[in-house]
Amino acid sequence: AMDKFAEGIDLLAGFAAQRTGREPGGFEVRNWAGAVVGVVL
């Protein structure tokens, strides 16, 4: 499932990037996505 969590970070980073106009690979966007995945887990 760890691979699935990594996919979840990618999905959430894409979502956050679309909502905020930022790049999905940006530090803040990926950090936010990782925090969401951690909280969900």
ModelCIF file with pLDDT and N, C-alpha, C, O atoms, coordinates in Angstrom:
data_MODEL
#
_entry.id   MODEL 
#
_entity.id                         1 
_entity.type                       polymer 
_entity.pdbx_number_of_molecules   1 
#
_entity_poly.entity_id                      1 
_entity_poly.type                           'polypeptide(L)' 
_entity_poly.nstd_linkage                   no 
_entity_poly.nstd_monomer                   no 
_entity_poly.pdbx_seq_one_letter_code       AMDKFAEGIDLLAGFAAQRTGREPGGFEVRNWAGAVVGVVL 
_entity_poly.pdbx_seq_one_letter_code_can   AMDKFAEGIDLLAGFAAQRTGREPGGFEVRNWAGAVVGVVL 
_entity_poly.pdbx_strand_id                 A 
#
loop_
_entity_poly_seq.entity_id 
_entity_poly_seq.num 
_entity_poly_seq.mon_id 
_entity_poly_seq.hetero 
1 1  ALA n 
1 2  MET n 
1 3  ASP n 
1 4  LYS n 
1 5  PHE n 
1 6  ALA n 
1 7  GLU n 
1 8  GLY n 
1 9  ILE n 
1 10 ASP n 
1 11 LEU n 
1 12 LEU n 
1 13 ALA n 
1 14 GLY n 
1 15 PHE n 
1 16 ALA n 
1 17 ALA n 
1 18 GLN n 
1 19 ARG n 
1 20 THR n 
1 21 GLY n 
1 22 ARG n 
1 23 GLU n 
1 24 PRO n 
1 25 GLY n 
1 26 GLY n 
1 27 PHE n 
1 28 GLU n 
1 29 VAL n 
1 30 ARG n 
1 31 ASN n 
1 32 TRP n 
1 33 ALA n 
1 34 GLY n 
1 35 ALA n 
1 36 VAL n 
1 37 VAL n 
1 38 GLY n 
1 39 VAL n 
1 40 VAL n 
1 41 LEU n 
#
_struct_asym.id          A 
_struct_asym.entity_id   1 
#
loop_
_ma_qa_metric.id 
_ma_qa_metric.mode 
_ma_qa_metric.name 
_ma_qa_metric.software_group_id 
_ma_qa_metric.type 
1 global pLDDT . pLDDT 
2 local  pLDDT . pLDDT 
#
_ma_qa_metric_global.metric_id      1 
_ma_qa_metric_global.metric_value   92.90 
_ma_qa_metric_global.model_id       1 
_ma_qa_metric_global.ordinal_id     1 
#
loop_
_ma_qa_metric_local.label_asym_id 
_ma_qa_metric_local.label_comp_id 
_ma_qa_metric_local.label_seq_id 
_ma_qa_metric_local.metric_id 
_ma_qa_metric_local.metric_value 
_ma_qa_metric_local.model_id 
_ma_qa_metric_local.ordinal_id 
A ALA 1  2 84.00 1 1  
A MET 2  2 82.00 1 2  
A ASP 3  2 81.00 1 3  
A LYS 4  2 83.00 1 4  
A PHE 5  2 85.00 1 5  
A ALA 6  2 87.00 1 6  
A GLU 7  2 87.00 1 7  
A GLY 8  2 89.00 1 8  
A ILE 9  2 94.00 1 9  
A ASP 10 2 94.00 1 10 
A LEU 11 2 92.00 1 11 
A LEU 12 2 94.00 1 12 
A ALA 13 2 96.00 1 13 
A GLY 14 2 95.00 1 14 
A PHE 15 2 95.00 1 15 
A ALA 16 2 95.00 1 16 
A ALA 17 2 96.00 1 17 
A GLN 18 2 94.00 1 18 
A ARG 19 2 94.00 1 19 
A THR 20 2 94.00 1 20 
A GLY 21 2 95.00 1 21 
A ARG 22 2 96.00 1 22 
A GLU 23 2 97.00 1 23 
A PRO 24 2 95.00 1 24 
A GLY 25 2 96.00 1 25 
A GLY 26 2 96.00 1 26 
A PHE 27 2 97.00 1 27 
A GLU 28 2 96.00 1 28 
A VAL 29 2 97.00 1 29 
A ARG 30 2 97.00 1 30 
A ASN 31 2 96.00 1 31 
A TRP 32 2 96.00 1 32 
A ALA 33 2 96.00 1 33 
A GLY 34 2 96.00 1 34 
A ALA 35 2 96.00 1 35 
A VAL 36 2 95.00 1 36 
A VAL 37 2 94.00 1 37 
A GLY 38 2 94.00 1 38 
A VAL 39 2 94.00 1 39 
A VAL 40 2 90.00 1 40 
A LEU 41 2 89.00 1 41 
#
loop_
_atom_site.group_PDB 
_atom_site.id 
_atom_site.type_symbol 
_atom_site.label_atom_id 
_atom_site.label_alt_id 
_atom_site.label_comp_id 
_atom_site.label_asym_id 
_atom_site.label_entity_id 
_atom_site.label_seq_id 
_atom_site.pdbx_PDB_ins_code 
_atom_site.Cartn_x 
_atom_site.Cartn_y 
_atom_site.Cartn_z 
_atom_site.occupancy 
_atom_site.B_iso_or_equiv 
_atom_site.pdbx_formal_charge 
_atom_site.auth_seq_id 
_atom_site.auth_comp_id 
_atom_site.auth_asym_id 
_atom_site.auth_atom_id 
_atom_site.pdbx_PDB_model_num 
ATOM 1   N N  . ALA A 1 1  ? 0.816  -1.219 0.000   1.00 84.00 ? 1  ALA A N  1 
ATOM 2   C CA . ALA A 1 1  ? 0.000  0.000  0.000   1.00 84.00 ? 1  ALA A CA 1 
ATOM 3   C C  . ALA A 1 1  ? 0.848  1.268  0.000   1.00 84.00 ? 1  ALA A C  1 
ATOM 4   O O  . ALA A 1 1  ? 0.349  2.341  -0.338  1.00 84.00 ? 1  ALA A O  1 
ATOM 5   N N  . MET A 1 2  ? 2.097  1.163  0.366   1.00 82.00 ? 2  MET A N  1 
ATOM 6   C CA . MET A 1 2  ? 2.962  2.352  0.364   1.00 82.00 ? 2  MET A CA 1 
ATOM 7   C C  . MET A 1 2  ? 3.026  2.975  -1.028  1.00 82.00 ? 2  MET A C  1 
ATOM 8   O O  . MET A 1 2  ? 3.053  4.199  -1.154  1.00 82.00 ? 2  MET A O  1 
ATOM 9   N N  . ASP A 1 3  ? 3.050  2.149  -2.071  1.00 81.00 ? 3  ASP A N  1 
ATOM 10  C CA . ASP A 1 3  ? 3.029  2.691  -3.436  1.00 81.00 ? 3  ASP A CA 1 
ATOM 11  C C  . ASP A 1 3  ? 1.739  3.454  -3.688  1.00 81.00 ? 3  ASP A C  1 
ATOM 12  O O  . ASP A 1 3  ? 1.740  4.475  -4.375  1.00 81.00 ? 3  ASP A O  1 
ATOM 13  N N  . LYS A 1 4  ? 0.649  2.964  -3.140  1.00 83.00 ? 4  LYS A N  1 
ATOM 14  C CA . LYS A 1 4  ? -0.625 3.648  -3.307  1.00 83.00 ? 4  LYS A CA 1 
ATOM 15  C C  . LYS A 1 4  ? -0.626 5.002  -2.599  1.00 83.00 ? 4  LYS A C  1 
ATOM 16  O O  . LYS A 1 4  ? -1.229 5.959  -3.084  1.00 83.00 ? 4  LYS A O  1 
ATOM 17  N N  . PHE A 1 5  ? 0.045  5.080  -1.463  1.00 85.00 ? 5  PHE A N  1 
ATOM 18  C CA . PHE A 1 5  ? 0.128  6.368  -0.764  1.00 85.00 ? 5  PHE A CA 1 
ATOM 19  C C  . PHE A 1 5  ? 0.932  7.364  -1.588  1.00 85.00 ? 5  PHE A C  1 
ATOM 20  O O  . PHE A 1 5  ? 0.608  8.551  -1.628  1.00 85.00 ? 5  PHE A O  1 
ATOM 21  N N  . ALA A 1 6  ? 1.984  6.878  -2.245  1.00 87.00 ? 6  ALA A N  1 
ATOM 22  C CA . ALA A 1 6  ? 2.765  7.755  -3.126  1.00 87.00 ? 6  ALA A CA 1 
ATOM 23  C C  . ALA A 1 6  ? 1.886  8.253  -4.280  1.00 87.00 ? 6  ALA A C  1 
ATOM 24  O O  . ALA A 1 6  ? 1.956  9.423  -4.654  1.00 87.00 ? 6  ALA A O  1 
ATOM 25  N N  . GLU A 1 7  ? 1.066  7.369  -4.837  1.00 87.00 ? 7  GLU A N  1 
ATOM 26  C CA . GLU A 1 7  ? 0.130  7.777  -5.887  1.00 87.00 ? 7  GLU A CA 1 
ATOM 27  C C  . GLU A 1 7  ? -0.867 8.799  -5.343  1.00 87.00 ? 7  GLU A C  1 
ATOM 28  O O  . GLU A 1 7  ? -1.244 9.743  -6.037  1.00 87.00 ? 7  GLU A O  1 
ATOM 29  N N  . GLY A 1 8  ? -1.287 8.598  -4.092  1.00 89.00 ? 8  GLY A N  1 
ATOM 30  C CA . GLY A 1 8  ? -2.208 9.543  -3.462  1.00 89.00 ? 8  GLY A CA 1 
ATOM 31  C C  . GLY A 1 8  ? -1.600 10.928 -3.333  1.00 89.00 ? 8  GLY A C  1 
ATOM 32  O O  . GLY A 1 8  ? -2.283 11.931 -3.537  1.00 89.00 ? 8  GLY A O  1 
ATOM 33  N N  . ILE A 1 9  ? -0.324 10.986 -2.999  1.00 94.00 ? 9  ILE A N  1 
ATOM 34  C CA . ILE A 1 9  ? 0.359  12.281 -2.922  1.00 94.00 ? 9  ILE A CA 1 
ATOM 35  C C  . ILE A 1 9  ? 0.362  12.938 -4.295  1.00 94.00 ? 9  ILE A C  1 
ATOM 36  O O  . ILE A 1 9  ? 0.115  14.139 -4.409  1.00 94.00 ? 9  ILE A O  1 
ATOM 37  N N  . ASP A 1 10 ? 0.640  12.160 -5.342  1.00 94.00 ? 10 ASP A N  1 
ATOM 38  C CA . ASP A 1 10 ? 0.623  12.715 -6.696  1.00 94.00 ? 10 ASP A CA 1 
ATOM 39  C C  . ASP A 1 10 ? -0.760 13.236 -7.068  1.00 94.00 ? 10 ASP A C  1 
ATOM 40  O O  . ASP A 1 10 ? -0.885 14.328 -7.621  1.00 94.00 ? 10 ASP A O  1 
ATOM 41  N N  . LEU A 1 11 ? -1.812 12.448 -6.763  1.00 92.00 ? 11 LEU A N  1 
ATOM 42  C CA . LEU A 1 11 ? -3.178 12.880 -7.069  1.00 92.00 ? 11 LEU A CA 1 
ATOM 43  C C  . LEU A 1 11 ? -3.533 14.172 -6.325  1.00 92.00 ? 11 LEU A C  1 
ATOM 44  O O  . LEU A 1 11 ? -4.079 15.110 -6.906  1.00 92.00 ? 11 LEU A O  1 
ATOM 45  N N  . LEU A 1 12 ? -3.215 14.200 -5.042  1.00 94.00 ? 12 LEU A N  1 
ATOM 46  C CA . LEU A 1 12 ? -3.550 15.386 -4.240  1.00 94.00 ? 12 LEU A CA 1 
ATOM 47  C C  . LEU A 1 12 ? -2.715 16.600 -4.651  1.00 94.00 ? 12 LEU A C  1 
ATOM 48  O O  . LEU A 1 12 ? -3.209 17.728 -4.625  1.00 94.00 ? 12 LEU A O  1 
ATOM 49  N N  . ALA A 1 13 ? -1.472 16.379 -5.025  1.00 96.00 ? 13 ALA A N  1 
ATOM 50  C CA . ALA A 1 13 ? -0.639 17.493 -5.496  1.00 96.00 ? 13 ALA A CA 1 
ATOM 51  C C  . ALA A 1 13 ? -1.223 18.071 -6.786  1.00 96.00 ? 13 ALA A C  1 
ATOM 52  O O  . ALA A 1 13 ? -1.244 19.288 -6.972  1.00 96.00 ? 13 ALA A O  1 
ATOM 53  N N  . GLY A 1 14 ? -1.695 17.199 -7.673  1.00 95.00 ? 14 GLY A N  1 
ATOM 54  C CA . GLY A 1 14 ? -2.342 17.676 -8.897  1.00 95.00 ? 14 GLY A CA 1 
ATOM 55  C C  . GLY A 1 14 ? -3.608 18.459 -8.590  1.00 95.00 ? 14 GLY A C  1 
ATOM 56  O O  . GLY A 1 14 ? -3.870 19.499 -9.193  1.00 95.00 ? 14 GLY A O  1 
ATOM 57  N N  . PHE A 1 15 ? -4.385 17.949 -7.650  1.00 95.00 ? 15 PHE A N  1 
ATOM 58  C CA . PHE A 1 15 ? -5.606 18.644 -7.224  1.00 95.00 ? 15 PHE A CA 1 
ATOM 59  C C  . PHE A 1 15 ? -5.275 20.020 -6.654  1.00 95.00 ? 15 PHE A C  1 
ATOM 60  O O  . PHE A 1 15 ? -5.865 21.022 -7.060  1.00 95.00 ? 15 PHE A O  1 
ATOM 61  N N  . ALA A 1 16 ? -4.330 20.069 -5.710  1.00 95.00 ? 16 ALA A N  1 
ATOM 62  C CA . ALA A 1 16 ? -3.974 21.343 -5.073  1.00 95.00 ? 16 ALA A CA 1 
ATOM 63  C C  . ALA A 1 16 ? -3.403 22.325 -6.092  1.00 95.00 ? 16 ALA A C  1 
ATOM 64  O O  . ALA A 1 16 ? -3.675 23.523 -6.021  1.00 95.00 ? 16 ALA A O  1 
ATOM 65  N N  . ALA A 1 17 ? -2.617 21.826 -7.033  1.00 96.00 ? 17 ALA A N  1 
ATOM 66  C CA . ALA A 1 17 ? -2.054 22.693 -8.059  1.00 96.00 ? 17 ALA A CA 1 
ATOM 67  C C  . ALA A 1 17 ? -3.163 23.314 -8.906  1.00 96.00 ? 17 ALA A C  1 
ATOM 68  O O  . ALA A 1 17 ? -3.110 24.500 -9.232  1.00 96.00 ? 17 ALA A O  1 
ATOM 69  N N  . GLN A 1 18 ? -4.160 22.515 -9.260  1.00 94.00 ? 18 GLN A N  1 
ATOM 70  C CA . GLN A 1 18 ? -5.272 23.047 -10.049 1.00 94.00 ? 18 GLN A CA 1 
ATOM 71  C C  . GLN A 1 18 ? -6.054 24.097 -9.269  1.00 94.00 ? 18 GLN A C  1 
ATOM 72  O O  . GLN A 1 18 ? -6.470 25.109 -9.833  1.00 94.00 ? 18 GLN A O  1 
ATOM 73  N N  . ARG A 1 19 ? -6.253 23.864 -7.990  1.00 94.00 ? 19 ARG A N  1 
ATOM 74  C CA . ARG A 1 19 ? -7.048 24.804 -7.186  1.00 94.00 ? 19 ARG A CA 1 
ATOM 75  C C  . ARG A 1 19 ? -6.302 26.086 -6.872  1.00 94.00 ? 19 ARG A C  1 
ATOM 76  O O  . ARG A 1 19 ? -6.918 27.137 -6.692  1.00 94.00 ? 19 ARG A O  1 
ATOM 77  N N  . THR A 1 20 ? -4.968 26.007 -6.804  1.00 94.00 ? 20 THR A N  1 
ATOM 78  C CA . THR A 1 20 ? -4.199 27.178 -6.379  1.00 94.00 ? 20 THR A CA 1 
ATOM 79  C C  . THR A 1 20 ? -3.415 27.846 -7.492  1.00 94.00 ? 20 THR A C  1 
ATOM 80  O O  . THR A 1 20 ? -2.869 28.933 -7.300  1.00 94.00 ? 20 THR A O  1 
ATOM 81  N N  . GLY A 1 21 ? -3.353 27.207 -8.660  1.00 95.00 ? 21 GLY A N  1 
ATOM 82  C CA . GLY A 1 21 ? -2.579 27.778 -9.759  1.00 95.00 ? 21 GLY A CA 1 
ATOM 83  C C  . GLY A 1 21 ? -1.082 27.561 -9.607  1.00 95.00 ? 21 GLY A C  1 
ATOM 84  O O  . GLY A 1 21 ? -0.294 28.216 -10.290 1.00 95.00 ? 21 GLY A O  1 
ATOM 85  N N  . ARG A 1 22 ? -0.682 26.669 -8.741  1.00 96.00 ? 22 ARG A N  1 
ATOM 86  C CA . ARG A 1 22 ? 0.735  26.366 -8.535  1.00 96.00 ? 22 ARG A CA 1 
ATOM 87  C C  . ARG A 1 22 ? 1.128  25.127 -9.325  1.00 96.00 ? 22 ARG A C  1 
ATOM 88  O O  . ARG A 1 22 ? 0.286  24.457 -9.923  1.00 96.00 ? 22 ARG A O  1 
ATOM 89  N N  . GLU A 1 23 ? 2.416  24.841 -9.314  1.00 97.00 ? 23 GLU A N  1 
ATOM 90  C CA . GLU A 1 23 ? 2.939  23.653 -9.987  1.00 97.00 ? 23 GLU A CA 1 
ATOM 91  C C  . GLU A 1 23 ? 2.757  22.428 -9.089  1.00 97.00 ? 23 GLU A C  1 
ATOM 92  O O  . GLU A 1 23 ? 3.012  22.509 -7.888  1.00 97.00 ? 23 GLU A O  1 
ATOM 93  N N  . PRO A 1 24 ? 2.320  21.289 -9.650  1.00 95.00 ? 24 PRO A N  1 
ATOM 94  C CA . PRO A 1 24 ? 2.127  20.089 -8.820  1.00 95.00 ? 24 PRO A CA 1 
ATOM 95  C C  . PRO A 1 24 ? 3.420  19.554 -8.205  1.00 95.00 ? 24 PRO A C  1 
ATOM 96  O O  . PRO A 1 24 ? 3.376  18.850 -7.196  1.00 95.00 ? 24 PRO A O  1 
ATOM 97  N N  . GLY A 1 25 ? 4.555  19.874 -8.792  1.00 96.00 ? 25 GLY A N  1 
ATOM 98  C CA . GLY A 1 25 ? 5.830  19.411 -8.239  1.00 96.00 ? 25 GLY A CA 1 
ATOM 99  C C  . GLY A 1 25 ? 6.452  20.376 -7.255  1.00 96.00 ? 25 GLY A C  1 
ATOM 100 O O  . GLY A 1 25 ? 7.529  20.106 -6.723  1.00 96.00 ? 25 GLY A O  1 
ATOM 101 N N  . GLY A 1 26 ? 5.794  21.502 -7.001  1.00 96.00 ? 26 GLY A N  1 
ATOM 102 C CA . GLY A 1 26 ? 6.336  22.491 -6.073  1.00 96.00 ? 26 GLY A CA 1 
ATOM 103 C C  . GLY A 1 26 ? 6.419  21.956 -4.652  1.00 96.00 ? 26 GLY A C  1 
ATOM 104 O O  . GLY A 1 26 ? 5.595  21.144 -4.232  1.00 96.00 ? 26 GLY A O  1 
ATOM 105 N N  . PHE A 1 27 ? 7.416  22.418 -3.923  1.00 97.00 ? 27 PHE A N  1 
ATOM 106 C CA . PHE A 1 27 ? 7.655  21.944 -2.557  1.00 97.00 ? 27 PHE A CA 1 
ATOM 107 C C  . PHE A 1 27 ? 6.416  22.082 -1.677  1.00 97.00 ? 27 PHE A C  1 
ATOM 108 O O  . PHE A 1 27 ? 6.009  21.121 -1.024  1.00 97.00 ? 27 PHE A O  1 
ATOM 109 N N  . GLU A 1 28 ? 5.816  23.268 -1.656  1.00 96.00 ? 28 GLU A N  1 
ATOM 110 C CA . GLU A 1 28 ? 4.669  23.496 -0.782  1.00 96.00 ? 28 GLU A CA 1 
ATOM 111 C C  . GLU A 1 28 ? 3.488  22.619 -1.160  1.00 96.00 ? 28 GLU A C  1 
ATOM 112 O O  . GLU A 1 28 ? 2.788  22.102 -0.289  1.00 96.00 ? 28 GLU A O  1 
ATOM 113 N N  . VAL A 1 29 ? 3.269  22.452 -2.452  1.00 97.00 ? 29 VAL A N  1 
ATOM 114 C CA . VAL A 1 29 ? 2.135  21.649 -2.925  1.00 97.00 ? 29 VAL A CA 1 
ATOM 115 C C  . VAL A 1 29 ? 2.337  20.184 -2.529  1.00 97.00 ? 29 VAL A C  1 
ATOM 116 O O  . VAL A 1 29 ? 1.419  19.556 -2.000  1.00 97.00 ? 29 VAL A O  1 
ATOM 117 N N  . ARG A 1 30 ? 3.520  19.640 -2.778  1.00 97.00 ? 30 ARG A N  1 
ATOM 118 C CA . ARG A 1 30 ? 3.780  18.231 -2.444  1.00 97.00 ? 30 ARG A CA 1 
ATOM 119 C C  . ARG A 1 30 ? 3.805  18.026 -0.928  1.00 97.00 ? 30 ARG A C  1 
ATOM 120 O O  . ARG A 1 30 ? 3.359  16.991 -0.434  1.00 97.00 ? 30 ARG A O  1 
ATOM 121 N N  . ASN A 1 31 ? 4.323  19.003 -0.195  1.00 96.00 ? 31 ASN A N  1 
ATOM 122 C CA . ASN A 1 31 ? 4.342  18.910 1.256   1.00 96.00 ? 31 ASN A CA 1 
ATOM 123 C C  . ASN A 1 31 ? 2.910  18.889 1.799   1.00 96.00 ? 31 ASN A C  1 
ATOM 124 O O  . ASN A 1 31 ? 2.586  18.101 2.687   1.00 96.00 ? 31 ASN A O  1 
ATOM 125 N N  . TRP A 1 32 ? 2.066  19.755 1.259   1.00 96.00 ? 32 TRP A N  1 
ATOM 126 C CA . TRP A 1 32 ? 0.653  19.771 1.658   1.00 96.00 ? 32 TRP A CA 1 
ATOM 127 C C  . TRP A 1 32 ? 0.006  18.421 1.348   1.00 96.00 ? 32 TRP A C  1 
ATOM 128 O O  . TRP A 1 32 ? -0.694 17.856 2.189   1.00 96.00 ? 32 TRP A O  1 
ATOM 129 N N  . ALA A 1 33 ? 0.243  17.907 0.141   1.00 96.00 ? 33 ALA A N  1 
ATOM 130 C CA . ALA A 1 33 ? -0.345 16.627 -0.253  1.00 96.00 ? 33 ALA A CA 1 
ATOM 131 C C  . ALA A 1 33 ? 0.136  15.506 0.661   1.00 96.00 ? 33 ALA A C  1 
ATOM 132 O O  . ALA A 1 33 ? -0.648 14.633 1.035   1.00 96.00 ? 33 ALA A O  1 
ATOM 133 N N  . GLY A 1 34 ? 1.417  15.522 1.022   1.00 96.00 ? 34 GLY A N  1 
ATOM 134 C CA . GLY A 1 34 ? 1.938  14.510 1.944   1.00 96.00 ? 34 GLY A CA 1 
ATOM 135 C C  . GLY A 1 34 ? 1.291  14.608 3.316   1.00 96.00 ? 34 GLY A C  1 
ATOM 136 O O  . GLY A 1 34 ? 1.020  13.590 3.952   1.00 96.00 ? 34 GLY A O  1 
ATOM 137 N N  . ALA A 1 35 ? 1.042  15.830 3.774   1.00 96.00 ? 35 ALA A N  1 
ATOM 138 C CA . ALA A 1 35 ? 0.377  16.006 5.069   1.00 96.00 ? 35 ALA A CA 1 
ATOM 139 C C  . ALA A 1 35 ? -1.047 15.449 5.016   1.00 96.00 ? 35 ALA A C  1 
ATOM 140 O O  . ALA A 1 35 ? -1.494 14.796 5.959   1.00 96.00 ? 35 ALA A O  1 
ATOM 141 N N  . VAL A 1 36 ? -1.749 15.703 3.930   1.00 95.00 ? 36 VAL A N  1 
ATOM 142 C CA . VAL A 1 36 ? -3.111 15.178 3.797   1.00 95.00 ? 36 VAL A CA 1 
ATOM 143 C C  . VAL A 1 36 ? -3.084 13.651 3.809   1.00 95.00 ? 36 VAL A C  1 
ATOM 144 O O  . VAL A 1 36 ? -3.883 13.024 4.505   1.00 95.00 ? 36 VAL A O  1 
ATOM 145 N N  . VAL A 1 37 ? -2.168 13.046 3.042   1.00 94.00 ? 37 VAL A N  1 
ATOM 146 C CA . VAL A 1 37 ? -2.087 11.586 3.010   1.00 94.00 ? 37 VAL A CA 1 
ATOM 147 C C  . VAL A 1 37 ? -1.771 11.045 4.403   1.00 94.00 ? 37 VAL A C  1 
ATOM 148 O O  . VAL A 1 37 ? -2.342 10.033 4.811   1.00 94.00 ? 37 VAL A O  1 
ATOM 149 N N  . GLY A 1 38 ? -0.881 11.693 5.133   1.00 94.00 ? 38 GLY A N  1 
ATOM 150 C CA . GLY A 1 38 ? -0.553 11.251 6.488   1.00 94.00 ? 38 GLY A CA 1 
ATOM 151 C C  . GLY A 1 38 ? -1.756 11.315 7.416   1.00 94.00 ? 38 GLY A C  1 
ATOM 152 O O  . GLY A 1 38 ? -1.993 10.399 8.204   1.00 94.00 ? 38 GLY A O  1 
ATOM 153 N N  . VAL A 1 39 ? -2.501 12.384 7.320   1.00 94.00 ? 39 VAL A N  1 
ATOM 154 C CA . VAL A 1 39 ? -3.697 12.548 8.160   1.00 94.00 ? 39 VAL A CA 1 
ATOM 155 C C  . VAL A 1 39 ? -4.754 11.505 7.782   1.00 94.00 ? 39 VAL A C  1 
ATOM 156 O O  . VAL A 1 39 ? -5.395 10.923 8.657   1.00 94.00 ? 39 VAL A O  1 
ATOM 157 N N  . VAL A 1 40 ? -4.933 11.273 6.486   1.00 90.00 ? 40 VAL A N  1 
ATOM 158 C CA . VAL A 1 40 ? -5.903 10.276 6.029   1.00 90.00 ? 40 VAL A CA 1 
ATOM 159 C C  . VAL A 1 40 ? -5.484 8.882  6.495   1.00 90.00 ? 40 VAL A C  1 
ATOM 160 O O  . VAL A 1 40 ? -6.321 8.106  6.955   1.00 90.00 ? 40 VAL A O  1 
ATOM 161 N N  . LEU A 1 41 ? -4.210 8.565  6.380   1.00 89.00 ? 41 LEU A N  1 
ATOM 162 C CA . LEU A 1 41 ? -3.722 7.267  6.838   1.00 89.00 ? 41 LEU A CA 1 
ATOM 163 C C  . LEU A 1 41 ? -3.965 7.092  8.332   1.00 89.00 ? 41 LEU A C  1 
ATOM 164 O O  . LEU A 1 41 ? -3.618 6.054  8.896   1.00 89.00 ? 41 LEU A O  1 
#
